[in-house]
Amino acid sequence: MTERGLRRRLVGTVVSNRMNKTALVLVERLTKHRTYNKYVKRRVKYMAHDPQNLCQIGDKVRIIESRPLSKRKRWHVIERINIVV
C-alpha cells in the first residue's frame, strides 16, 4: 500500500482529445448477466488529465484514480500503451 492508499487503475482507449489537457477514455469490461448467464460488454467513459496533451484518438492508455480536478475529471493518464500514428 502506498502513501495515498490503493487507487484504481484501468486500461482504455482514447475517443476524444478536443479538450485542453483532458482526454476522454472509453473503458470496456465484460460482466455476466444475472438471469441469462451471458457475458455482456459494459462501457464507461472517463475524463482523464493529460498535462502535455500527448494522447491521440485511438491510443490505448492506462489511467489511475486521483483527487477531483474538476466537476467530472477524477483520473490521470499515467502511460500510453499502444500509440496510434
N, C-alpha and C. Protein backbone atom coordinates (compact mmCIF):
# COMPACT_ATOMS: atom_id res chain seq x y z
N MET A 1 0.85 -1.19 0.00
CA MET A 1 0.00 0.00 0.00
C MET A 1 0.89 1.24 0.00
N THR A 2 0.57 2.20 -0.86
CA THR A 2 1.36 3.41 -0.96
C THR A 2 0.87 4.46 0.02
N GLU A 3 1.52 5.62 0.02
CA GLU A 3 1.12 6.70 0.92
C GLU A 3 -0.30 7.17 0.65
N ARG A 4 -0.70 7.17 -0.62
CA ARG A 4 -2.03 7.64 -0.99
C ARG A 4 -3.09 6.55 -0.90
N GLY A 5 -2.70 5.36 -0.53
CA GLY A 5 -3.66 4.27 -0.46
C GLY A 5 -3.79 3.58 -1.80
N LEU A 6 -4.68 2.64 -1.86
CA LEU A 6 -4.90 1.90 -3.10
C LEU A 6 -5.79 2.71 -4.04
N ARG A 7 -5.30 2.93 -5.25
CA ARG A 7 -6.08 3.67 -6.24
C ARG A 7 -6.34 2.77 -7.43
N ARG A 8 -7.55 2.87 -7.98
CA ARG A 8 -7.91 2.02 -9.11
C ARG A 8 -7.11 2.39 -10.35
N ARG A 9 -6.75 1.38 -11.13
CA ARG A 9 -6.07 1.57 -12.40
C ARG A 9 -6.89 0.88 -13.47
N LEU A 10 -7.10 1.55 -14.59
CA LEU A 10 -7.89 1.00 -15.69
C LEU A 10 -7.14 1.19 -17.00
N VAL A 11 -7.48 0.37 -17.98
CA VAL A 11 -6.92 0.49 -19.32
C VAL A 11 -8.07 0.75 -20.28
N GLY A 12 -7.90 1.75 -21.15
CA GLY A 12 -8.96 2.10 -22.08
C GLY A 12 -8.41 2.74 -23.34
N THR A 13 -9.32 3.15 -24.21
CA THR A 13 -8.97 3.75 -25.50
C THR A 13 -9.42 5.20 -25.52
N VAL A 14 -8.56 6.07 -26.03
CA VAL A 14 -8.89 7.50 -26.13
C VAL A 14 -9.88 7.68 -27.28
N VAL A 15 -11.04 8.27 -26.98
CA VAL A 15 -12.05 8.51 -28.01
C VAL A 15 -12.19 9.99 -28.35
N SER A 16 -11.64 10.88 -27.51
CA SER A 16 -11.69 12.31 -27.80
C SER A 16 -10.53 13.00 -27.09
N ASN A 17 -9.93 13.98 -27.78
CA ASN A 17 -8.86 14.78 -27.17
C ASN A 17 -9.04 16.25 -27.48
N ARG A 18 -10.28 16.67 -27.70
CA ARG A 18 -10.56 18.05 -28.09
C ARG A 18 -10.38 19.05 -26.95
N MET A 19 -10.49 18.58 -25.72
CA MET A 19 -10.38 19.48 -24.57
C MET A 19 -8.91 19.69 -24.22
N ASN A 20 -8.59 20.86 -23.71
CA ASN A 20 -7.22 21.18 -23.33
C ASN A 20 -6.83 20.40 -22.09
N LYS A 21 -5.74 19.63 -22.18
CA LYS A 21 -5.19 18.84 -21.07
C LYS A 21 -6.15 17.78 -20.55
N THR A 22 -7.07 17.33 -21.40
CA THR A 22 -8.05 16.31 -20.99
C THR A 22 -8.25 15.33 -22.14
N ALA A 23 -8.33 14.05 -21.80
CA ALA A 23 -8.64 13.01 -22.78
C ALA A 23 -9.86 12.25 -22.30
N LEU A 24 -10.75 11.91 -23.22
CA LEU A 24 -11.92 11.11 -22.90
C LEU A 24 -11.56 9.66 -23.21
N VAL A 25 -11.58 8.81 -22.16
CA VAL A 25 -11.11 7.43 -22.27
C VAL A 25 -12.30 6.49 -22.13
N LEU A 26 -12.46 5.58 -23.10
CA LEU A 26 -13.52 4.58 -23.08
C LEU A 26 -12.95 3.28 -22.52
N VAL A 27 -13.57 2.80 -21.42
CA VAL A 27 -13.14 1.56 -20.78
C VAL A 27 -14.24 0.52 -20.97
N GLU A 28 -13.88 -0.63 -21.53
CA GLU A 28 -14.83 -1.71 -21.73
C GLU A 28 -14.53 -2.84 -20.76
N ARG A 29 -15.59 -3.46 -20.24
CA ARG A 29 -15.42 -4.62 -19.36
C ARG A 29 -16.54 -5.60 -19.64
N LEU A 30 -16.30 -6.87 -19.35
CA LEU A 30 -17.30 -7.91 -19.54
C LEU A 30 -17.92 -8.26 -18.20
N THR A 31 -19.24 -8.29 -18.14
CA THR A 31 -19.94 -8.71 -16.93
C THR A 31 -20.93 -9.80 -17.31
N LYS A 32 -21.20 -10.66 -16.37
CA LYS A 32 -22.13 -11.76 -16.61
C LYS A 32 -23.53 -11.31 -16.22
N HIS A 33 -24.49 -11.52 -17.13
CA HIS A 33 -25.88 -11.17 -16.86
C HIS A 33 -26.43 -12.12 -15.81
N ARG A 34 -27.14 -11.58 -14.82
CA ARG A 34 -27.63 -12.41 -13.71
C ARG A 34 -28.62 -13.48 -14.15
N THR A 35 -29.57 -13.10 -14.98
CA THR A 35 -30.63 -14.03 -15.37
C THR A 35 -30.19 -14.97 -16.49
N TYR A 36 -29.58 -14.40 -17.53
CA TYR A 36 -29.31 -15.17 -18.74
C TYR A 36 -27.92 -15.80 -18.76
N ASN A 37 -27.06 -15.47 -17.79
CA ASN A 37 -25.70 -16.01 -17.71
C ASN A 37 -24.90 -15.79 -19.00
N LYS A 38 -25.21 -14.72 -19.68
CA LYS A 38 -24.50 -14.36 -20.89
C LYS A 38 -23.56 -13.20 -20.57
N TYR A 39 -22.38 -13.19 -21.18
CA TYR A 39 -21.44 -12.10 -20.95
C TYR A 39 -21.84 -10.90 -21.80
N VAL A 40 -21.91 -9.74 -21.16
CA VAL A 40 -22.35 -8.50 -21.81
C VAL A 40 -21.24 -7.47 -21.67
N LYS A 41 -20.98 -6.72 -22.75
CA LYS A 41 -19.98 -5.65 -22.70
C LYS A 41 -20.58 -4.43 -22.02
N ARG A 42 -19.88 -3.90 -21.06
CA ARG A 42 -20.26 -2.65 -20.41
C ARG A 42 -19.20 -1.62 -20.75
N ARG A 43 -19.64 -0.40 -21.10
CA ARG A 43 -18.72 0.66 -21.49
C ARG A 43 -18.93 1.87 -20.59
N VAL A 44 -17.83 2.47 -20.17
CA VAL A 44 -17.87 3.68 -19.36
C VAL A 44 -16.82 4.64 -19.92
N LYS A 45 -17.18 5.93 -19.99
CA LYS A 45 -16.23 6.95 -20.45
C LYS A 45 -15.75 7.75 -19.24
N TYR A 46 -14.44 7.91 -19.13
CA TYR A 46 -13.84 8.69 -18.05
C TYR A 46 -13.07 9.85 -18.65
N MET A 47 -13.15 11.01 -18.00
CA MET A 47 -12.31 12.14 -18.37
C MET A 47 -11.02 12.03 -17.58
N ALA A 48 -9.90 12.05 -18.28
CA ALA A 48 -8.60 11.87 -17.63
C ALA A 48 -7.70 13.05 -17.93
N HIS A 49 -6.89 13.44 -16.93
CA HIS A 49 -5.98 14.56 -17.06
C HIS A 49 -4.76 14.14 -17.89
N ASP A 50 -4.48 14.90 -18.94
CA ASP A 50 -3.34 14.65 -19.83
C ASP A 50 -2.54 15.95 -19.91
N PRO A 51 -1.60 16.19 -18.98
CA PRO A 51 -0.96 17.50 -18.85
C PRO A 51 -0.21 17.99 -20.09
N GLN A 52 0.40 17.10 -20.87
CA GLN A 52 1.16 17.53 -22.05
C GLN A 52 0.38 17.41 -23.35
N ASN A 53 -0.90 17.05 -23.29
CA ASN A 53 -1.73 16.86 -24.48
C ASN A 53 -1.09 15.88 -25.47
N LEU A 54 -0.56 14.76 -24.97
CA LEU A 54 0.11 13.78 -25.81
C LEU A 54 -0.84 12.76 -26.42
N CYS A 55 -1.97 12.51 -25.79
CA CYS A 55 -2.88 11.45 -26.23
C CYS A 55 -3.54 11.80 -27.56
N GLN A 56 -3.57 10.80 -28.45
CA GLN A 56 -4.25 10.92 -29.73
C GLN A 56 -5.43 9.96 -29.75
N ILE A 57 -6.42 10.23 -30.60
CA ILE A 57 -7.58 9.35 -30.70
C ILE A 57 -7.12 7.97 -31.17
N GLY A 58 -7.57 6.94 -30.46
CA GLY A 58 -7.19 5.56 -30.78
C GLY A 58 -6.08 5.01 -29.92
N ASP A 59 -5.37 5.86 -29.18
CA ASP A 59 -4.31 5.38 -28.28
C ASP A 59 -4.90 4.54 -27.17
N LYS A 60 -4.19 3.49 -26.79
CA LYS A 60 -4.57 2.69 -25.63
C LYS A 60 -3.77 3.24 -24.46
N VAL A 61 -4.46 3.63 -23.37
CA VAL A 61 -3.80 4.28 -22.24
C VAL A 61 -4.17 3.60 -20.92
N ARG A 62 -3.29 3.80 -19.94
CA ARG A 62 -3.56 3.35 -18.58
C ARG A 62 -3.87 4.59 -17.75
N ILE A 63 -4.99 4.56 -17.00
CA ILE A 63 -5.37 5.71 -16.17
C ILE A 63 -5.43 5.27 -14.71
N ILE A 64 -5.23 6.24 -13.82
CA ILE A 64 -5.25 5.96 -12.39
C ILE A 64 -6.16 6.97 -11.70
N GLU A 65 -6.85 6.51 -10.69
CA GLU A 65 -7.78 7.36 -9.94
C GLU A 65 -7.01 8.42 -9.16
N SER A 66 -7.58 9.62 -9.04
CA SER A 66 -6.92 10.70 -8.31
C SER A 66 -7.96 11.58 -7.63
N ARG A 67 -7.49 12.64 -7.04
CA ARG A 67 -8.41 13.57 -6.40
C ARG A 67 -9.21 14.30 -7.49
N PRO A 68 -10.37 14.87 -7.15
CA PRO A 68 -11.15 15.59 -8.16
C PRO A 68 -10.39 16.81 -8.69
N LEU A 69 -10.29 16.92 -10.01
CA LEU A 69 -9.64 18.05 -10.65
C LEU A 69 -10.66 19.05 -11.18
N SER A 70 -11.86 18.57 -11.47
CA SER A 70 -12.96 19.42 -11.92
C SER A 70 -14.25 18.66 -11.64
N LYS A 71 -15.35 19.12 -12.22
CA LYS A 71 -16.64 18.50 -11.95
C LYS A 71 -16.67 17.02 -12.35
N ARG A 72 -16.09 16.67 -13.51
CA ARG A 72 -16.15 15.29 -13.99
C ARG A 72 -14.79 14.61 -14.10
N LYS A 73 -13.71 15.33 -13.85
CA LYS A 73 -12.36 14.78 -14.07
C LYS A 73 -11.75 14.31 -12.76
N ARG A 74 -11.57 12.95 -12.64
CA ARG A 74 -11.01 12.36 -11.43
C ARG A 74 -9.98 11.29 -11.74
N TRP A 75 -9.40 11.31 -12.93
CA TRP A 75 -8.44 10.31 -13.37
C TRP A 75 -7.25 11.00 -14.02
N HIS A 76 -6.08 10.35 -13.98
CA HIS A 76 -4.85 10.82 -14.61
C HIS A 76 -4.38 9.78 -15.62
N VAL A 77 -3.89 10.22 -16.77
CA VAL A 77 -3.24 9.31 -17.72
C VAL A 77 -1.82 9.10 -17.22
N ILE A 78 -1.45 7.83 -16.94
CA ILE A 78 -0.10 7.58 -16.44
C ILE A 78 0.82 7.03 -17.51
N GLU A 79 0.27 6.35 -18.53
CA GLU A 79 1.12 5.89 -19.63
C GLU A 79 0.28 5.58 -20.86
N ARG A 80 0.95 5.70 -22.02
CA ARG A 80 0.33 5.31 -23.29
C ARG A 80 0.88 3.94 -23.65
N ILE A 81 0.01 2.96 -23.81
CA ILE A 81 0.44 1.59 -24.05
C ILE A 81 0.66 1.36 -25.54
N ASN A 82 -0.37 1.55 -26.35
CA ASN A 82 -0.27 1.44 -27.81
C ASN A 82 -0.50 2.81 -28.40
N ILE A 83 0.47 3.29 -29.17
CA ILE A 83 0.40 4.62 -29.74
C ILE A 83 -0.02 4.52 -31.20
N VAL A 84 -1.06 5.26 -31.57
CA VAL A 84 -1.54 5.30 -32.95
C VAL A 84 -0.82 6.43 -33.66
N VAL A 85 -0.28 6.13 -34.83
CA VAL A 85 0.48 7.15 -35.57
C VAL A 85 -0.41 7.91 -36.50
